[in-house]
Amino acid sequence: MTKISPEEEQERKKAIFESMSPRRQQHILKKGYDEWNPFQEPKDPIDIRKDKTKRTTQELFRAFLQSRGTGEYSNAYGSGVFEMCHGIINDDDKYRGMLEFSVWYQELLKQEGHE
């Protein structure tokens, strides 16, 4: 990419500004024409969130469903699994509570001979 001179950049900036609607021009003027940069580089995408095992929501979701053996499950079941994965990766207290309760309840069932 060729480097453009500051004068050329100002001419391009002015041309872009003048081609905008009056309403958009007012918005830019309110914030400050000098601070406005129509040539900004795009921002980096947000980091893909991963859990403590360095897995994404999708990776956890697939691994769990594959561990269940059969490929058949209801939409509600899959939706619940995905929601739990998402909540755990985001460290949401609601899902952490649901997880801890599920583990506790599983142990209670074992202790009382229901499994």
N, C-alpha and C. Protein backbone atom coordinates (compact mmCIF):
# COMPACT_ATOMS: atom_id res chain seq x y z
N MET A 1 0.84 -1.17 0.00
CA MET A 1 0.00 0.00 0.00
C MET A 1 0.89 1.24 0.00
N THR A 2 0.57 2.19 -0.85
CA THR A 2 1.40 3.39 -0.97
C THR A 2 1.02 4.39 0.11
N LYS A 3 2.01 5.10 0.54
CA LYS A 3 1.83 6.13 1.58
C LYS A 3 1.31 7.39 0.91
N ILE A 4 0.26 7.98 1.49
CA ILE A 4 -0.26 9.23 0.92
C ILE A 4 0.20 10.40 1.79
N SER A 5 0.31 11.54 1.17
CA SER A 5 0.78 12.73 1.89
C SER A 5 -0.33 13.25 2.80
N PRO A 6 0.05 14.00 3.82
CA PRO A 6 -0.96 14.58 4.72
C PRO A 6 -1.96 15.48 3.97
N GLU A 7 -1.48 16.15 2.93
CA GLU A 7 -2.38 17.02 2.15
C GLU A 7 -3.42 16.18 1.42
N GLU A 8 -2.97 15.06 0.82
CA GLU A 8 -3.90 14.18 0.12
C GLU A 8 -4.91 13.57 1.09
N GLU A 9 -4.43 13.22 2.28
CA GLU A 9 -5.31 12.63 3.28
C GLU A 9 -6.40 13.64 3.68
N GLN A 10 -6.00 14.92 3.85
CA GLN A 10 -6.97 15.96 4.20
C GLN A 10 -7.99 16.18 3.08
N GLU A 11 -7.52 16.10 1.83
CA GLU A 11 -8.44 16.24 0.69
C GLU A 11 -9.44 15.10 0.66
N ARG A 12 -8.95 13.88 0.90
CA ARG A 12 -9.84 12.71 0.92
C ARG A 12 -10.84 12.81 2.08
N LYS A 13 -10.35 13.25 3.23
CA LYS A 13 -11.22 13.40 4.40
C LYS A 13 -12.33 14.39 4.09
N LYS A 14 -11.96 15.51 3.48
CA LYS A 14 -12.94 16.54 3.13
C LYS A 14 -13.95 16.00 2.12
N ALA A 15 -13.48 15.24 1.14
CA ALA A 15 -14.37 14.67 0.12
C ALA A 15 -15.36 13.69 0.76
N ILE A 16 -14.87 12.88 1.67
CA ILE A 16 -15.76 11.93 2.36
C ILE A 16 -16.79 12.69 3.17
N PHE A 17 -16.34 13.71 3.90
CA PHE A 17 -17.24 14.51 4.74
C PHE A 17 -18.32 15.17 3.88
N GLU A 18 -17.92 15.75 2.76
CA GLU A 18 -18.87 16.46 1.91
C GLU A 18 -19.86 15.53 1.23
N SER A 19 -19.50 14.27 1.08
CA SER A 19 -20.41 13.33 0.43
C SER A 19 -21.44 12.75 1.41
N MET A 20 -21.29 13.07 2.69
CA MET A 20 -22.21 12.57 3.71
C MET A 20 -23.48 13.41 3.77
N SER A 21 -24.49 12.81 4.38
CA SER A 21 -25.74 13.55 4.58
C SER A 21 -25.50 14.66 5.61
N PRO A 22 -26.28 15.72 5.53
CA PRO A 22 -26.12 16.82 6.50
C PRO A 22 -26.26 16.35 7.95
N ARG A 23 -27.13 15.40 8.17
CA ARG A 23 -27.32 14.90 9.53
C ARG A 23 -26.05 14.23 10.04
N ARG A 24 -25.43 13.41 9.21
CA ARG A 24 -24.19 12.73 9.60
C ARG A 24 -23.05 13.75 9.77
N GLN A 25 -23.01 14.77 8.92
CA GLN A 25 -22.01 15.83 9.06
C GLN A 25 -22.15 16.53 10.41
N GLN A 26 -23.39 16.81 10.81
CA GLN A 26 -23.63 17.46 12.10
C GLN A 26 -23.12 16.59 13.24
N HIS A 27 -23.34 15.31 13.12
CA HIS A 27 -22.88 14.37 14.15
C HIS A 27 -21.36 14.43 14.29
N ILE A 28 -20.67 14.45 13.17
CA ILE A 28 -19.20 14.51 13.18
C ILE A 28 -18.72 15.86 13.72
N LEU A 29 -19.37 16.95 13.30
CA LEU A 29 -18.99 18.27 13.79
C LEU A 29 -19.19 18.40 15.29
N LYS A 30 -20.24 17.77 15.80
CA LYS A 30 -20.51 17.81 17.24
C LYS A 30 -19.38 17.14 18.02
N LYS A 31 -18.86 16.04 17.49
CA LYS A 31 -17.77 15.32 18.15
C LYS A 31 -16.41 15.95 17.86
N GLY A 32 -16.32 16.67 16.74
CA GLY A 32 -15.06 17.33 16.38
C GLY A 32 -14.50 16.79 15.08
N TYR A 33 -14.50 17.64 14.07
CA TYR A 33 -14.02 17.25 12.75
C TYR A 33 -12.54 16.84 12.80
N ASP A 34 -11.74 17.56 13.56
CA ASP A 34 -10.30 17.28 13.62
C ASP A 34 -10.01 15.91 14.23
N GLU A 35 -10.84 15.47 15.19
CA GLU A 35 -10.63 14.17 15.83
C GLU A 35 -11.16 13.02 14.99
N TRP A 36 -12.09 13.31 14.08
CA TRP A 36 -12.71 12.29 13.24
C TRP A 36 -11.69 11.71 12.27
N ASN A 37 -11.61 10.40 12.21
CA ASN A 37 -10.68 9.74 11.30
C ASN A 37 -11.43 8.70 10.47
N PRO A 38 -11.77 9.06 9.22
CA PRO A 38 -12.50 8.09 8.38
C PRO A 38 -11.59 6.97 7.87
N PHE A 39 -10.31 7.02 8.17
CA PHE A 39 -9.36 6.02 7.67
C PHE A 39 -8.90 5.06 8.76
N GLN A 40 -9.62 4.98 9.86
CA GLN A 40 -9.21 4.11 10.96
C GLN A 40 -9.15 2.66 10.51
N GLU A 41 -8.18 1.96 11.07
CA GLU A 41 -8.06 0.53 10.83
C GLU A 41 -9.20 -0.17 11.54
N PRO A 42 -9.69 -1.28 10.96
CA PRO A 42 -10.75 -2.00 11.66
C PRO A 42 -10.22 -2.57 12.97
N LYS A 43 -11.11 -2.66 13.95
CA LYS A 43 -10.72 -3.19 15.25
C LYS A 43 -10.57 -4.70 15.16
N ASP A 44 -9.69 -5.23 16.01
CA ASP A 44 -9.51 -6.68 16.07
C ASP A 44 -10.77 -7.31 16.62
N PRO A 45 -11.10 -8.53 16.14
CA PRO A 45 -12.26 -9.20 16.70
C PRO A 45 -11.99 -9.54 18.17
N ILE A 46 -13.06 -9.63 18.94
CA ILE A 46 -12.86 -9.95 20.35
C ILE A 46 -12.25 -11.34 20.47
N ASP A 47 -11.52 -11.52 21.54
CA ASP A 47 -10.92 -12.83 21.78
C ASP A 47 -12.01 -13.88 21.89
N ILE A 48 -11.73 -15.03 21.34
CA ILE A 48 -12.67 -16.12 21.48
C ILE A 48 -12.53 -16.65 22.89
N ARG A 49 -13.64 -16.67 23.60
CA ARG A 49 -13.61 -17.08 25.00
C ARG A 49 -13.41 -18.57 25.13
N LYS A 50 -12.59 -18.93 26.10
CA LYS A 50 -12.31 -20.33 26.37
C LYS A 50 -12.40 -20.55 27.87
N ASP A 51 -12.66 -21.80 28.25
CA ASP A 51 -12.73 -22.13 29.67
C ASP A 51 -11.34 -22.47 30.19
N LYS A 52 -11.28 -22.99 31.41
CA LYS A 52 -10.00 -23.31 32.03
C LYS A 52 -9.25 -24.41 31.28
N THR A 53 -9.98 -25.23 30.53
CA THR A 53 -9.34 -26.31 29.76
C THR A 53 -8.94 -25.85 28.37
N LYS A 54 -9.10 -24.54 28.10
CA LYS A 54 -8.75 -23.92 26.82
C LYS A 54 -9.67 -24.38 25.68
N ARG A 55 -10.92 -24.69 26.02
CA ARG A 55 -11.91 -25.10 25.02
C ARG A 55 -12.95 -24.00 24.86
N THR A 56 -13.44 -23.86 23.62
CA THR A 56 -14.52 -22.91 23.36
C THR A 56 -15.85 -23.56 23.71
N THR A 57 -16.91 -22.75 23.68
CA THR A 57 -18.25 -23.26 23.94
C THR A 57 -18.57 -24.39 22.96
N GLN A 58 -18.29 -24.19 21.69
CA GLN A 58 -18.58 -25.20 20.67
C GLN A 58 -17.80 -26.48 20.92
N GLU A 59 -16.55 -26.36 21.30
CA GLU A 59 -15.72 -27.55 21.56
C GLU A 59 -16.26 -28.35 22.74
N LEU A 60 -16.65 -27.65 23.81
CA LEU A 60 -17.23 -28.33 24.96
C LEU A 60 -18.54 -29.01 24.59
N PHE A 61 -19.36 -28.30 23.86
CA PHE A 61 -20.66 -28.80 23.43
C PHE A 61 -20.50 -30.10 22.64
N ARG A 62 -19.64 -30.06 21.63
CA ARG A 62 -19.43 -31.26 20.79
C ARG A 62 -18.85 -32.42 21.59
N ALA A 63 -17.86 -32.12 22.43
CA ALA A 63 -17.21 -33.18 23.22
C ALA A 63 -18.22 -33.84 24.16
N PHE A 64 -19.06 -33.05 24.79
CA PHE A 64 -20.06 -33.62 25.70
C PHE A 64 -21.04 -34.51 24.95
N LEU A 65 -21.58 -34.00 23.85
CA LEU A 65 -22.57 -34.79 23.11
C LEU A 65 -21.96 -36.06 22.54
N GLN A 66 -20.71 -36.00 22.09
CA GLN A 66 -20.04 -37.20 21.58
C GLN A 66 -19.80 -38.20 22.70
N SER A 67 -19.57 -37.73 23.91
CA SER A 67 -19.33 -38.63 25.04
C SER A 67 -20.60 -39.37 25.45
N ARG A 68 -21.75 -38.88 25.03
CA ARG A 68 -23.02 -39.51 25.37
C ARG A 68 -23.27 -40.74 24.51
N GLY A 69 -22.50 -40.96 23.47
CA GLY A 69 -22.65 -42.16 22.64
C GLY A 69 -23.60 -41.98 21.49
N THR A 70 -24.89 -41.98 21.75
CA THR A 70 -25.85 -41.89 20.65
C THR A 70 -25.85 -40.48 20.08
N GLY A 71 -26.16 -40.39 18.84
CA GLY A 71 -26.22 -39.09 18.18
C GLY A 71 -27.59 -38.48 18.28
N GLU A 72 -28.49 -39.13 19.00
CA GLU A 72 -29.87 -38.66 19.08
C GLU A 72 -30.13 -37.95 20.41
N TYR A 73 -30.62 -36.73 20.31
CA TYR A 73 -31.03 -35.96 21.48
C TYR A 73 -32.02 -34.92 21.01
N SER A 74 -32.86 -34.46 21.92
CA SER A 74 -33.87 -33.47 21.55
C SER A 74 -33.24 -32.09 21.40
N ASN A 75 -33.98 -31.22 20.75
CA ASN A 75 -33.52 -29.83 20.61
C ASN A 75 -33.39 -29.17 21.97
N ALA A 76 -34.33 -29.48 22.88
CA ALA A 76 -34.29 -28.89 24.22
C ALA A 76 -33.04 -29.35 24.97
N TYR A 77 -32.68 -30.63 24.82
CA TYR A 77 -31.49 -31.16 25.48
C TYR A 77 -30.24 -30.45 24.95
N GLY A 78 -30.13 -30.38 23.64
CA GLY A 78 -28.98 -29.71 23.02
C GLY A 78 -28.90 -28.24 23.40
N SER A 79 -30.05 -27.59 23.45
CA SER A 79 -30.10 -26.18 23.82
C SER A 79 -29.64 -26.00 25.26
N GLY A 80 -30.06 -26.89 26.14
CA GLY A 80 -29.64 -26.82 27.54
C GLY A 80 -28.15 -27.01 27.70
N VAL A 81 -27.60 -27.97 26.97
CA VAL A 81 -26.16 -28.23 27.01
C VAL A 81 -25.40 -27.00 26.53
N PHE A 82 -25.84 -26.44 25.41
CA PHE A 82 -25.16 -25.28 24.85
C PHE A 82 -25.23 -24.10 25.82
N GLU A 83 -26.40 -23.89 26.43
CA GLU A 83 -26.57 -22.79 27.37
C GLU A 83 -25.64 -22.96 28.58
N MET A 84 -25.54 -24.18 29.07
CA MET A 84 -24.63 -24.45 30.20
C MET A 84 -23.18 -24.16 29.80
N CYS A 85 -22.78 -24.63 28.63
CA CYS A 85 -21.41 -24.38 28.15
C CYS A 85 -21.13 -22.89 28.10
N HIS A 86 -22.04 -22.16 27.52
CA HIS A 86 -21.88 -20.72 27.37
C HIS A 86 -21.81 -20.04 28.74
N GLY A 87 -22.69 -20.42 29.65
CA GLY A 87 -22.71 -19.83 30.99
C GLY A 87 -21.45 -20.13 31.78
N ILE A 88 -20.94 -21.35 31.63
CA ILE A 88 -19.73 -21.73 32.36
C ILE A 88 -18.51 -20.98 31.82
N ILE A 89 -18.41 -20.88 30.51
CA ILE A 89 -17.28 -20.16 29.92
C ILE A 89 -17.29 -18.69 30.30
N ASN A 90 -18.49 -18.11 30.43
CA ASN A 90 -18.60 -16.71 30.83
C ASN A 90 -18.55 -16.54 32.35
N ASP A 91 -18.35 -17.62 33.07
CA ASP A 91 -18.24 -17.63 34.53
C ASP A 91 -19.46 -16.97 35.17
N ASP A 92 -20.63 -17.30 34.65
CA ASP A 92 -21.90 -16.77 35.13
C ASP A 92 -22.31 -17.54 36.39
N ASP A 93 -22.60 -16.82 37.47
CA ASP A 93 -22.97 -17.45 38.74
C ASP A 93 -24.19 -18.35 38.60
N LYS A 94 -25.13 -17.98 37.77
CA LYS A 94 -26.35 -18.79 37.59
C LYS A 94 -25.97 -20.20 37.14
N TYR A 95 -25.09 -20.30 36.17
CA TYR A 95 -24.74 -21.61 35.61
C TYR A 95 -23.79 -22.37 36.52
N ARG A 96 -22.95 -21.64 37.20
CA ARG A 96 -22.07 -22.29 38.17
C ARG A 96 -22.92 -22.92 39.27
N GLY A 97 -23.95 -22.21 39.73
CA GLY A 97 -24.88 -22.74 40.73
C GLY A 97 -25.62 -23.96 40.22
N MET A 98 -26.05 -23.91 38.97
CA MET A 98 -26.75 -25.05 38.37
C MET A 98 -25.82 -26.27 38.29
N LEU A 99 -24.59 -26.02 37.91
CA LEU A 99 -23.61 -27.10 37.81
C LEU A 99 -23.34 -27.72 39.18
N GLU A 100 -23.08 -26.87 40.15
CA GLU A 100 -22.77 -27.37 41.49
C GLU A 100 -23.96 -28.12 42.09
N PHE A 101 -25.17 -27.61 41.86
CA PHE A 101 -26.35 -28.32 42.34
C PHE A 101 -26.47 -29.69 41.66
N SER A 102 -26.24 -29.74 40.36
CA SER A 102 -26.34 -31.02 39.63
C SER A 102 -25.35 -32.04 40.16
N VAL A 103 -24.13 -31.62 40.42
CA VAL A 103 -23.11 -32.53 40.97
C VAL A 103 -23.53 -33.00 42.36
N TRP A 104 -23.99 -32.06 43.19
CA TRP A 104 -24.45 -32.40 44.54
C TRP A 104 -25.61 -33.37 44.50
N TYR A 105 -26.58 -33.12 43.62
CA TYR A 105 -27.76 -33.97 43.52
C TYR A 105 -27.39 -35.37 43.04
N GLN A 106 -26.48 -35.45 42.11
CA GLN A 106 -26.00 -36.75 41.62
C GLN A 106 -25.40 -37.55 42.77
N GLU A 107 -24.60 -36.90 43.59
CA GLU A 107 -24.00 -37.56 44.76
C GLU A 107 -25.07 -37.99 45.77
N LEU A 108 -26.09 -37.16 45.98
CA LEU A 108 -27.18 -37.48 46.89
C LEU A 108 -27.92 -38.74 46.41
N LEU A 109 -28.19 -38.81 45.11
CA LEU A 109 -28.86 -39.99 44.56
C LEU A 109 -28.02 -41.24 44.78
N LYS A 110 -26.71 -41.14 44.57
CA LYS A 110 -25.82 -42.29 44.80
C LYS A 110 -25.85 -42.72 46.26
N GLN A 111 -25.76 -41.74 47.16
CA GLN A 111 -25.73 -42.04 48.60
C GLN A 111 -27.01 -42.74 49.05
N GLU A 112 -28.13 -42.39 48.45
CA GLU A 112 -29.41 -42.95 48.86
C GLU A 112 -29.79 -44.19 48.04
N GLY A 113 -28.89 -44.64 47.17
CA GLY A 113 -29.12 -45.86 46.39
C GLY A 113 -30.13 -45.74 45.27
N HIS A 114 -30.29 -44.58 44.73
CA HIS A 114 -31.25 -44.38 43.64
C HIS A 114 -30.60 -44.54 42.26
N GLU A 115 -29.37 -44.93 42.21
CA GLU A 115 -28.72 -45.12 40.91
C GLU A 115 -28.19 -46.50 40.77
